Amino acid sequence: MSGNLHTYLVVAVVLLCLGLYGMMQHRSLIGMLISIELILNGAGLNFMAFNRFLAPDPAVGQIFALFIMGLAAAEAAIAVSLIFAVYRKYKTSDPEQISDLRG
């Protein structure tokens, strides 16, 4: 199971699809944040899989995966701080009930 590129790609696609489904279905900001994390993990898994099986230089995919992990950590920190700020002001984390931000 661990020696096949297709296995990793299928798992990455499943993570991507679960993230996209979660983005469409969740009504809370925390659920959307977790869904974005699933999408980023799917992208990181793709980089690591292609690095493992196709790239001549093994460091390239690992650097991209570390970059994605750093980007996901920064995204999570900023998103959680924004969610706390929105919750303090509107007393809800449901994006449908926040009408002041609409144009």
Foldseek 3Di string as FASTA:
>chain_A
DVPDLVVLLVQLVVLLVQLVVQCVPDQFLVSNLVSVVSNLVSVLSNLQSCLVPPDPDNVPSVVVSVVSVVVSVVVVVVSVVVQVVCCVVPVGRGPVPPPPPDD
